[in-house]
C-alpha atoms as a PDB file:
ATOM      1  CA  MET A   1      -0.011 -10.873 -11.175  1.00  0.00           C
ATOM      2  CA  PHE A   2      -1.898  -7.933  -9.738  1.00  0.00           C
ATOM      3  CA  THR A   3      -5.168  -6.128 -10.137  1.00  0.00           C
ATOM      4  CA  GLY A   4      -3.937  -2.326  -9.874  1.00  0.00           C
ATOM      5  CA  ILE A   5      -6.294  -2.412  -6.646  1.00  0.00           C
ATOM      6  CA  VAL A   6      -4.264  -0.718  -4.011  1.00  0.00           C
ATOM      7  CA  GLU A   7      -4.510  -2.816  -0.611  1.00  0.00           C
ATOM      8  CA  GLU A   8      -2.419  -0.092   1.619  1.00  0.00           C
ATOM      9  CA  LEU A   9      -0.365   3.211   1.727  1.00  0.00           C
ATOM     10  CA  GLY A  10       2.937   1.957   3.039  1.00  0.00           C
ATOM     11  CA  GLU A  11       5.959   3.810   3.720  1.00  0.00           C
ATOM     12  CA  ILE A  12       9.898   3.315   2.861  1.00  0.00           C
ATOM     13  CA  ALA A  13      11.836   2.775   5.982  1.00  0.00           C
ATOM     14  CA  ALA A  14      15.198   2.074   4.666  1.00  0.00           C
ATOM     15  CA  VAL A  15      17.218   2.549   1.715  1.00  0.00           C
ATOM     16  CA  GLU A  16      20.382   0.486   1.276  1.00  0.00           C
ATOM     17  CA  ALA A  17      22.800   1.119  -1.605  1.00  0.00           C
ATOM     18  CA  LEU A  18      24.162  -1.820  -3.136  1.00  0.00           C
ATOM     19  CA  ALA A  19      27.243  -1.829  -5.738  1.00  0.00           C
ATOM     20  CA  ASP A  20      24.645  -2.416  -9.067  1.00  0.00           C
ATOM     21  CA  ALA A  21      21.463  -2.355  -6.840  1.00  0.00           C
ATOM     22  CA  ALA A  22      19.516  -1.320  -3.677  1.00  0.00           C
ATOM     23  CA  ARG A  23      17.843  -2.823  -0.732  1.00  0.00           C
ATOM     24  CA  PHE A  24      14.368  -1.403   0.119  1.00  0.00           C
ATOM     25  CA  SER A  25      12.781  -1.948   3.628  1.00  0.00           C
ATOM     26  CA  VAL A  26       8.872  -1.183   3.361  1.00  0.00           C
ATOM     27  CA  ARG A  27       6.544  -0.673   5.996  1.00  0.00           C
ATOM     28  CA  GLY A  28       3.319  -2.102   5.378  1.00  0.00           C
ATOM     29  CA  PRO A  29       1.141  -3.042   8.770  1.00  0.00           C
ATOM     30  CA  ALA A  30      -1.566  -4.746   6.118  1.00  0.00           C
ATOM     31  CA  VAL A  31       0.766  -6.677   3.666  1.00  0.00           C
ATOM     32  CA  ALA A  32       3.821  -7.213   5.727  1.00  0.00           C
ATOM     33  CA  PRO A  33       2.842  -9.826   8.376  1.00  0.00           C
ATOM     34  CA  GLY A  34       2.436 -13.284   7.078  1.00  0.00           C
ATOM     35  CA  ALA A  35       4.383 -12.206   3.760  1.00  0.00           C
ATOM     36  CA  ARG A  36       7.134 -15.047   3.003  1.00  0.00           C
ATOM     37  CA  HIS A  37      10.260 -15.001   1.339  1.00  0.00           C
ATOM     38  CA  GLY A  38      10.029 -15.116  -2.768  1.00  0.00           C
ATOM     39  CA  GLU A  39       6.603 -13.885  -2.512  1.00  0.00           C
ATOM     40  CA  SER A  40       5.643 -11.078  -4.794  1.00  0.00           C
ATOM     41  CA  ILE A  41       4.658  -7.446  -3.591  1.00  0.00           C
ATOM     42  CA  ALA A  42       4.206  -4.827  -5.838  1.00  0.00           C
ATOM     43  CA  VAL A  43       5.543  -0.937  -4.744  1.00  0.00           C
ATOM     44  CA  ASN A  44       4.439   1.961  -6.532  1.00  0.00           C
ATOM     45  CA  GLY A  45       3.647  -1.018  -9.248  1.00  0.00           C
ATOM     46  CA  VAL A  46       6.726  -2.454  -9.315  1.00  0.00           C
ATOM     47  CA  CYS A  47       6.717  -5.824  -8.747  1.00  0.00           C
ATOM     48  CA  LEU A  48       9.496  -6.809  -5.843  1.00  0.00           C
ATOM     49  CA  THR A  49      10.326 -10.319  -4.553  1.00  0.00           C
ATOM     50  CA  VAL A  50      10.229 -10.430  -0.211  1.00  0.00           C
ATOM     51  CA  VAL A  51      13.404 -11.076   0.812  1.00  0.00           C
ATOM     52  CA  GLU A  52      12.817 -11.125   4.505  1.00  0.00           C
ATOM     53  CA  ALA A  53       9.934  -9.917   6.293  1.00  0.00           C
ATOM     54  CA  ASP A  54       9.708  -8.686  10.110  1.00  0.00           C
ATOM     55  CA  GLY A  55       6.536  -7.960  11.478  1.00  0.00           C
ATOM     56  CA  ASP A  56       5.162  -4.956   9.566  1.00  0.00           C
ATOM     57  CA  THR A  57       8.101  -4.573   7.449  1.00  0.00           C
ATOM     58  CA  PHE A  58       9.311  -6.282   4.763  1.00  0.00           C
ATOM     59  CA  THR A  59      12.708  -6.010   2.620  1.00  0.00           C
ATOM     60  CA  ALA A  60      13.376  -6.364  -0.981  1.00  0.00           C
ATOM     61  CA  ASP A  61      16.207  -5.969  -3.460  1.00  0.00           C
ATOM     62  CA  VAL A  62      15.774  -3.635  -6.083  1.00  0.00           C
ATOM     63  CA  MET A  63      18.573  -4.571  -9.330  1.00  0.00           C
ATOM     64  CA  LYS A  64      19.993  -1.505 -11.382  1.00  0.00           C
ATOM     65  CA  GLU A  65      17.701  -2.138 -14.291  1.00  0.00           C
ATOM     66  CA  THR A  66      14.745  -1.685 -12.077  1.00  0.00           C
ATOM     67  CA  LEU A  67      15.825   1.530 -10.743  1.00  0.00           C
ATOM     68  CA  ASP A  68      16.856   3.072 -13.954  1.00  0.00           C
ATOM     69  CA  ARG A  69      13.285   2.116 -15.621  1.00  0.00           C
ATOM     70  CA  SER A  70      11.322   3.399 -12.783  1.00  0.00           C
ATOM     71  CA  SER A  71      10.265   5.935  -9.956  1.00  0.00           C
ATOM     72  CA  LEU A  72      11.838   3.865  -7.239  1.00  0.00           C
ATOM     73  CA  GLY A  73      15.285   5.041  -7.710  1.00  0.00           C
ATOM     74  CA  ALA A  74      14.115   8.480  -6.164  1.00  0.00           C
ATOM     75  CA  LEU A  75      12.493   7.102  -3.126  1.00  0.00           C
ATOM     76  CA  ALA A  76      14.022   8.032  -0.120  1.00  0.00           C
ATOM     77  CA  PRO A  77      12.731   6.903   3.557  1.00  0.00           C
ATOM     78  CA  GLY A  78       9.713   8.302   4.925  1.00  0.00           C
ATOM     79  CA  ASP A  79       8.081   8.549   1.542  1.00  0.00           C
ATOM     80  CA  ARG A  80       4.792   6.901   0.492  1.00  0.00           C
ATOM     81  CA  VAL A  81       4.546   4.163  -1.742  1.00  0.00           C
ATOM     82  CA  ASN A  82       1.602   1.836  -2.722  1.00  0.00           C
ATOM     83  CA  LEU A  83       1.488  -1.818  -1.938  1.00  0.00           C
ATOM     84  CA  GLU A  84      -0.540  -4.849  -3.218  1.00  0.00           C
ATOM     85  CA  ARG A  85       0.486  -8.492  -2.806  1.00  0.00           C
ATOM     86  CA  ALA A  86      -0.005 -10.691  -5.865  1.00  0.00           C
ATOM     87  CA  VAL A  87      -3.431 -11.532  -6.596  1.00  0.00           C
ATOM     88  CA  ARG A  88      -4.851 -15.282  -5.448  1.00  0.00           C
ATOM     89  CA  ALA A  89      -7.083 -17.209  -8.097  1.00  0.00           C
ATOM     90  CA  ASP A  90      -9.969 -17.081  -6.539  1.00  0.00           C
ATOM     91  CA  GLN A  91     -10.116 -13.316  -5.522  1.00  0.00           C
ATOM     92  CA  ARG A  92     -12.324 -11.025  -8.011  1.00  0.00           C
ATOM     93  CA  LEU A  93     -10.173  -8.820 -10.839  1.00  0.00           C
ATOM     94  CA  GLY A  94     -11.435  -5.571  -9.472  1.00  0.00           C
ATOM     95  CA  GLY A  95      -8.960  -3.942 -11.755  1.00  0.00           C
ATOM     96  CA  HIS A  96      -7.815  -4.725 -14.891  1.00  0.00           C
ATOM     97  CA  ILE A  97      -4.528  -7.312 -15.286  1.00  0.00           C
ATOM     98  CA  VAL A  98      -1.402  -5.654 -14.259  1.00  0.00           C
ATOM     99  CA  GLN A  99       2.056  -7.652 -14.104  1.00  0.00           C
ATOM    100  CA  GLY A 100       4.062  -5.040 -11.953  1.00  0.00           C
ATOM    101  CA  HIS A 101       6.747  -4.702 -15.111  1.00  0.00           C
ATOM    102  CA  VAL A 102       6.626  -0.961 -15.389  1.00  0.00           C
ATOM    103  CA  ASP A 103       6.929   0.288 -19.385  1.00  0.00           C
ATOM    104  CA  GLY A 104       8.239   3.739 -18.382  1.00  0.00           C
ATOM    105  CA  THR A 105       7.685   6.555 -16.216  1.00  0.00           C
ATOM    106  CA  GLY A 106       5.764   9.947 -16.656  1.00  0.00           C
ATOM    107  CA  VAL A 107       5.669  13.194 -14.945  1.00  0.00           C
ATOM    108  CA  LEU A 108       2.291  14.611 -13.359  1.00  0.00           C
ATOM    109  CA  ILE A 109       1.486  17.821 -15.486  1.00  0.00           C
ATOM    110  CA  SER A 110      -1.117  19.027 -13.320  1.00  0.00           C
ATOM    111  CA  ARG A 111      -4.168  18.688 -11.138  1.00  0.00           C
ATOM    112  CA  GLU A 112      -7.632  19.833 -11.628  1.00  0.00           C
ATOM    113  CA  PRO A 113      -9.930  19.799  -8.853  1.00  0.00           C
ATOM    114  CA  ALA A 114     -13.829  18.927  -9.456  1.00  0.00           C
ATOM    115  CA  GLU A 115     -16.746  18.747  -6.913  1.00  0.00           C
ATOM    116  CA  HIS A 116     -16.539  14.903  -6.522  1.00  0.00           C
ATOM    117  CA  TRP A 117     -13.266  14.179  -8.253  1.00  0.00           C
ATOM    118  CA  GLU A 118     -10.102  15.404  -9.679  1.00  0.00           C
ATOM    119  CA  VAL A 119      -8.719  15.586 -13.011  1.00  0.00           C
ATOM    120  CA  VAL A 120      -4.859  14.626 -13.245  1.00  0.00           C
ATOM    121  CA  THR A 121      -2.803  14.443 -16.446  1.00  0.00           C
ATOM    122  CA  ILE A 122       0.514  13.090 -16.841  1.00  0.00           C
ATOM    123  CA  SER A 123       3.015  12.578 -19.405  1.00  0.00           C
ATOM    124  CA  LEU A 124       3.494  10.020 -21.844  1.00  0.00           C
ATOM    125  CA  PRO A 125       6.388   8.590 -23.349  1.00  0.00           C
ATOM    126  CA  PRO A 126       6.369   8.602 -27.086  1.00  0.00           C
ATOM    127  CA  ALA A 127       6.919   4.760 -26.913  1.00  0.00           C
ATOM    128  CA  LEU A 128       3.908   4.058 -24.989  1.00  0.00           C
ATOM    129  CA  GLU A 129       1.439   6.412 -26.999  1.00  0.00           C
ATOM    130  CA  ARG A 130      -0.062   3.614 -29.281  1.00  0.00           C
ATOM    131  CA  TYR A 131      -0.699   1.359 -26.421  1.00  0.00           C
ATOM    132  CA  VAL A 132      -2.871   4.004 -24.891  1.00  0.00           C
ATOM    133  CA  VAL A 133      -6.448   4.706 -25.642  1.00  0.00           C
ATOM    134  CA  GLU A 134      -9.441   6.985 -24.287  1.00  0.00           C
ATOM    135  CA  LYS A 135     -11.305   4.522 -21.876  1.00  0.00           C
ATOM    136  CA  GLY A 136      -8.888   2.025 -22.003  1.00  0.00           C
ATOM    137  CA  SER A 137      -6.939   0.873 -18.677  1.00  0.00           C
ATOM    138  CA  ILE A 138      -3.230   2.162 -17.882  1.00  0.00           C
ATOM    139  CA  ALA A 139      -1.568   1.505 -14.029  1.00  0.00           C
ATOM    140  CA  VAL A 140      -0.212   4.911 -12.739  1.00  0.00           C
ATOM    141  CA  ASP A 141       2.209   3.965  -9.757  1.00  0.00           C
ATOM    142  CA  GLY A 142       0.243   0.914  -9.525  1.00  0.00           C
ATOM    143  CA  VAL A 143      -3.316   1.918  -9.319  1.00  0.00           C
ATOM    144  CA  SER A 144      -5.603   0.803 -12.391  1.00  0.00           C
ATOM    145  CA  LEU A 145      -7.251   3.806 -13.785  1.00  0.00           C
ATOM    146  CA  THR A 146      -9.434   4.364 -16.692  1.00  0.00           C
ATOM    147  CA  VAL A 147      -7.970   6.714 -19.085  1.00  0.00           C
ATOM    148  CA  THR A 148     -10.415   9.693 -19.597  1.00  0.00           C
ATOM    149  CA  ALA A 149      -8.473  11.876 -22.767  1.00  0.00           C
ATOM    150  CA  VAL A 150      -5.355  11.274 -24.480  1.00  0.00           C
ATOM    151  CA  ARG A 151      -3.196  13.978 -26.504  1.00  0.00           C
ATOM    152  CA  SER A 152      -0.167  14.369 -27.923  1.00  0.00           C
ATOM    153  CA  GLY A 153       2.646  13.291 -25.166  1.00  0.00           C
ATOM    154  CA  GLU A 154       0.097  13.242 -22.377  1.00  0.00           C
ATOM    155  CA  PHE A 155      -3.121  11.853 -21.151  1.00  0.00           C
ATOM    156  CA  ALA A 156      -5.591  12.187 -18.057  1.00  0.00           C
ATOM    157  CA  VAL A 157      -7.272  10.117 -15.776  1.00  0.00           C
ATOM    158  CA  SER A 158      -9.842  10.927 -13.222  1.00  0.00           C
ATOM    159  CA  LEU A 159      -9.655  10.220  -9.653  1.00  0.00           C
ATOM    160  CA  ILE A 160     -12.295   9.716  -7.575  1.00  0.00           C
ATOM    161  CA  PRO A 161     -11.997  10.458  -3.260  1.00  0.00           C
ATOM    162  CA  THR A 162     -11.267   6.838  -2.447  1.00  0.00           C
ATOM    163  CA  THR A 163      -8.544   6.803  -4.964  1.00  0.00           C
ATOM    164  CA  LEU A 164      -6.938  10.417  -3.688  1.00  0.00           C
ATOM    165  CA  GLY A 165      -7.144   9.545  -0.027  1.00  0.00           C
ATOM    166  CA  LEU A 166      -5.752   5.604  -0.139  1.00  0.00           C
ATOM    167  CA  THR A 167      -3.114   6.265  -2.777  1.00  0.00           C
ATOM    168  CA  THR A 168       0.170   7.787  -3.294  1.00  0.00           C
ATOM    169  CA  LEU A 169      -1.667   9.896  -6.249  1.00  0.00           C
ATOM    170  CA  GLY A 170      -3.419  12.176  -3.979  1.00  0.00           C
ATOM    171  CA  HIS A 171      -0.086  13.472  -2.568  1.00  0.00           C
ATOM    172  CA  LYS A 172       1.610  13.783  -5.576  1.00  0.00           C
ATOM    173  CA  ARG A 173       2.751  17.067  -6.894  1.00  0.00           C
ATOM    174  CA  PRO A 174       3.199  18.675 -10.567  1.00  0.00           C
ATOM    175  CA  GLY A 175       6.725  17.980 -11.533  1.00  0.00           C
ATOM    176  CA  ASP A 176       6.685  14.270  -9.486  1.00  0.00           C
ATOM    177  CA  PRO A 177       7.382  11.143 -11.624  1.00  0.00           C
ATOM    178  CA  VAL A 178       4.998   8.332 -11.789  1.00  0.00           C
ATOM    179  CA  ASN A 179       5.101   4.592 -13.239  1.00  0.00           C
ATOM    180  CA  LEU A 180       3.629   3.553 -15.974  1.00  0.00           C
ATOM    181  CA  GLU A 181       2.246   0.398 -16.942  1.00  0.00           C
ATOM    182  CA  VAL A 182       0.281   0.310 -19.976  1.00  0.00           C
ATOM    183  CA  ASP A 183      -2.406  -2.717 -20.771  1.00  0.00           C
ATOM    184  CA  VAL A 184      -0.559  -5.847 -21.564  1.00  0.00           C
ATOM    185  CA  ILE A 185      -3.359  -6.990 -24.012  1.00  0.00           C
ATOM    186  CA  ALA A 186      -2.520  -4.345 -26.384  1.00  0.00           C
ATOM    187  CA  LYS A 187       1.038  -5.141 -26.363  1.00  0.00           C
ATOM    188  CA  TYR A 188       0.019  -8.853 -27.200  1.00  0.00           C
ATOM    189  CA  VAL A 189      -2.190  -7.792 -29.893  1.00  0.00           C
ATOM    190  CA  GLU A 190       0.355  -5.705 -31.590  1.00  0.00           C
ATOM    191  CA  LYS A 191       2.646  -8.356 -31.755  1.00  0.00           C
ATOM    192  CA  LEU A 192      -0.061 -10.822 -33.218  1.00  0.00           C
ATOM    193  CA  LEU A 193      -1.180  -8.525 -35.970  1.00  0.00           C
ATOM    194  CA  ALA A 194       2.613  -8.012 -36.984  1.00  0.00           C
ATOM    195  CA  GLY A 195       3.242 -11.448 -37.502  1.00  0.00           C
ATOM    196  CA  ARG A 196      -0.093 -11.960 -39.371  1.00  0.00           C
ATOM    197  CA  GLY A 197       0.517 -13.563 -42.818  1.00  0.00           C
ATOM    198  CA  GLN A 198       4.008 -15.233 -41.868  1.00  0.00           C
ATOM    199  CA  GLY A 199       2.152 -18.372 -40.797  1.00  0.00           C
ATOM    200  CA  ILE A 200       3.904 -20.827 -38.120  1.00  0.00           C
ATOM    201  CA  SER A 201       7.287 -22.510 -39.292  1.00  0.00           C
ATOM    202  CA  SER A 202       7.774 -25.809 -37.956  1.00  0.00           C
END
């Protein structure tokens, strides 16, 4: 589990194409040292398993399913990525519950600079619209954000200077894809409400 509080702006060091997958080498001086085989690190909001770590770089295998359902398949060496290690039980939950299981991708539509923040509008796939509410939480490329507006087919978030400077969202341009993960609590509530009145069979 993650919190959506990005620890580091890392970099794709290498991408090795495999038959039905890809192997990513990711440079992250803050998160890679001490990383062990089998541990989880979120890369642009996608939970990946560390295969090996060497100095400031770790390697992870990404299956075709993940490449197809996220924006990771478009990454190339030199691209910046948001990195976050899995949360420990004794840490503060600074953002919201983020699983690292991407629900879909959106496209950055526009950026509107203001004096102390920037309003960013992102497209929202129809299948995810019911889970996104104003003042609710959403993870965009693994960054925990508060939704400031929801319209048909899109939503908006306001980014403070810290978020703009320390994550990939400060560098994205209109037309760039982003990974989206909606609040998992909303999905559980929907499932529970759908089963009301059915009871529990033994």
